[in-house]
């Protein structure tokens, strides 16, 4: 089992930046591939970014490619999401997630993850 806690959300003006963190406890983070998802009001939870267990491979949704960067520090048991050039369409609750090594579902799907944090609110203002 692993517990995930997000932090770093807030209100930011259009064009601004935020860095989200996801602290893990319970088990070493290094065995899990990780991801970030977001859920805007009235919409389904959607894939944002994913990273392999050692950080060697990353994937992004088209809507954030070139603006967001996912990274991890396994020594600190922490996952990050650097978000630049934020706009109002990025407003959502952001969730981090971890996938058990035995999970074969795609990295961009909700079923591809076994553990979820409680979420942190990001609001982009115009």
Protein backbone atom coordinates (compact mmCIF):
# COMPACT_ATOMS: atom_id res chain seq x y z
CA UNK A 1 0.00 0.00 0.00
CA UNK A 2 1.05 3.55 -0.65
CA UNK A 3 -0.52 6.79 0.49
CA UNK A 4 -0.31 9.91 -1.68
CA UNK A 5 -0.75 13.54 -0.62
CA UNK A 6 -0.74 16.41 -3.11
CA UNK A 7 0.21 20.00 -2.34
CA UNK A 8 1.10 23.21 -4.14
CA UNK A 9 -2.21 24.13 -5.68
CA UNK A 10 -3.62 27.65 -5.65
CA UNK A 11 -4.84 30.62 -7.62
CA UNK A 12 -2.59 31.89 -10.41
CA UNK A 13 -2.99 34.55 -13.07
CA UNK A 14 -2.98 33.62 -16.73
CA UNK A 15 0.57 33.02 -17.88
CA UNK A 16 1.78 32.20 -14.40
CA UNK A 17 3.38 29.05 -13.00
CA UNK A 18 2.81 26.56 -10.21
CA UNK A 19 4.62 23.44 -9.06
CA UNK A 20 2.58 20.62 -7.59
CA UNK A 21 4.11 18.01 -5.31
CA UNK A 22 2.90 14.56 -4.39
CA UNK A 23 4.44 13.01 -1.29
CA UNK A 24 4.26 9.25 -0.92
CA UNK A 25 4.36 7.16 2.23
CA UNK A 26 3.87 3.54 3.09
CA UNK A 27 6.17 2.05 0.48
CA UNK A 28 9.10 3.22 -1.59
CA UNK A 29 7.90 5.28 -4.53
CA UNK A 30 10.60 3.93 -6.80
CA UNK A 31 8.69 0.75 -7.67
CA UNK A 32 5.71 2.61 -9.09
CA UNK A 33 5.08 4.38 -12.34
CA UNK A 34 3.24 7.59 -11.54
CA UNK A 35 0.81 9.97 -13.15
CA UNK A 36 -1.08 13.22 -12.83
CA UNK A 37 -4.76 13.60 -13.72
CA UNK A 38 -7.15 16.51 -13.42
CA UNK A 39 -10.87 16.99 -13.11
CA UNK A 40 -12.52 20.23 -14.13
CA UNK A 41 -16.01 21.15 -12.88
CA UNK A 42 -18.65 19.08 -14.64
CA UNK A 43 -16.09 16.99 -16.51
CA UNK A 44 -14.55 13.57 -16.15
CA UNK A 45 -11.13 13.03 -14.66
CA UNK A 46 -8.57 13.26 -17.46
CA UNK A 47 -4.96 12.26 -18.00
CA UNK A 48 -2.30 14.98 -17.75
CA UNK A 49 1.12 13.34 -17.56
CA UNK A 50 2.87 10.09 -16.65
CA UNK A 51 6.39 9.06 -15.73
CA UNK A 52 8.09 5.67 -15.53
CA UNK A 53 9.46 4.29 -12.28
CA UNK A 54 12.97 5.66 -12.89
CA UNK A 55 11.95 8.85 -14.68
CA UNK A 56 13.36 7.64 -17.97
CA UNK A 57 10.11 7.92 -19.89
CA UNK A 58 7.42 10.59 -19.76
CA UNK A 59 4.13 11.12 -21.58
CA UNK A 60 1.83 14.12 -21.77
CA UNK A 61 -1.65 15.01 -22.86
CA UNK A 62 -1.62 17.16 -25.99
CA UNK A 63 -3.25 20.02 -24.10
CA UNK A 64 -0.27 20.42 -21.73
CA UNK A 65 2.64 19.33 -23.90
CA UNK A 66 5.35 21.98 -23.89
CA UNK A 67 3.89 23.74 -20.84
CA UNK A 68 3.91 21.09 -18.10
CA UNK A 69 6.80 18.92 -16.91
CA UNK A 70 6.46 15.80 -14.78
CA UNK A 71 9.42 14.67 -12.70
CA UNK A 72 10.19 12.59 -9.64
CA UNK A 73 12.73 12.29 -6.86
CA UNK A 74 12.66 8.71 -5.61
CA UNK A 75 15.11 9.50 -2.81
CA UNK A 76 12.52 11.95 -1.45
CA UNK A 77 9.54 9.77 -2.36
CA UNK A 78 8.04 12.72 -4.20
CA UNK A 79 6.43 13.34 -7.58
CA UNK A 80 6.25 16.80 -9.16
CA UNK A 81 4.32 18.63 -11.84
CA UNK A 82 5.78 21.94 -13.02
CA UNK A 83 3.05 23.94 -14.74
CA UNK A 84 3.93 26.98 -16.84
CA UNK A 85 1.86 29.33 -19.00
CA UNK A 86 -1.26 28.46 -17.04
CA UNK A 87 -4.63 29.58 -18.34
CA UNK A 88 -8.25 29.38 -17.27
CA UNK A 89 -8.68 26.05 -19.06
CA UNK A 90 -6.18 24.48 -16.65
CA UNK A 91 -8.55 25.11 -13.75
CA UNK A 92 -9.23 21.75 -12.10
CA UNK A 93 -8.56 19.53 -9.14
CA UNK A 94 -5.24 17.79 -9.79
CA UNK A 95 -4.64 14.25 -8.60
CA UNK A 96 -1.48 12.21 -8.43
CA UNK A 97 -1.65 8.47 -8.84
CA UNK A 98 0.59 5.43 -8.62
CA UNK A 99 0.38 2.22 -10.57
CA UNK A 100 1.31 -1.17 -9.21
CA UNK A 101 3.94 -2.96 -11.31
CA UNK A 102 1.41 -5.65 -12.20
CA UNK A 103 -1.11 -3.21 -13.68
CA UNK A 104 -1.21 -3.62 -17.45
CA UNK A 105 -3.78 -0.92 -18.27
CA UNK A 106 -2.60 2.06 -20.36
CA UNK A 107 -0.81 4.88 -18.57
CA UNK A 108 -3.41 7.39 -19.81
CA UNK A 109 -6.40 5.51 -18.38
CA UNK A 110 -7.92 5.76 -14.91
CA UNK A 111 -7.74 2.00 -14.54
CA UNK A 112 -4.01 2.19 -15.09
CA UNK A 113 -3.54 3.40 -11.51
CA UNK A 114 -4.12 1.69 -8.21
CA UNK A 115 -3.52 4.46 -5.68
CA UNK A 116 -4.80 8.04 -5.70
CA UNK A 117 -4.26 11.18 -3.69
CA UNK A 118 -7.07 13.41 -2.44
CA UNK A 119 -6.38 16.16 -4.98
CA UNK A 120 -5.31 19.80 -4.92
CA UNK A 121 -7.19 22.71 -6.51
CA UNK A 122 -5.55 24.77 -9.25
CA UNK A 123 -7.38 27.85 -10.48
CA UNK A 124 -6.23 29.93 -13.41
CA UNK A 125 -7.63 33.45 -13.54
CA UNK A 126 -7.86 35.75 -16.53
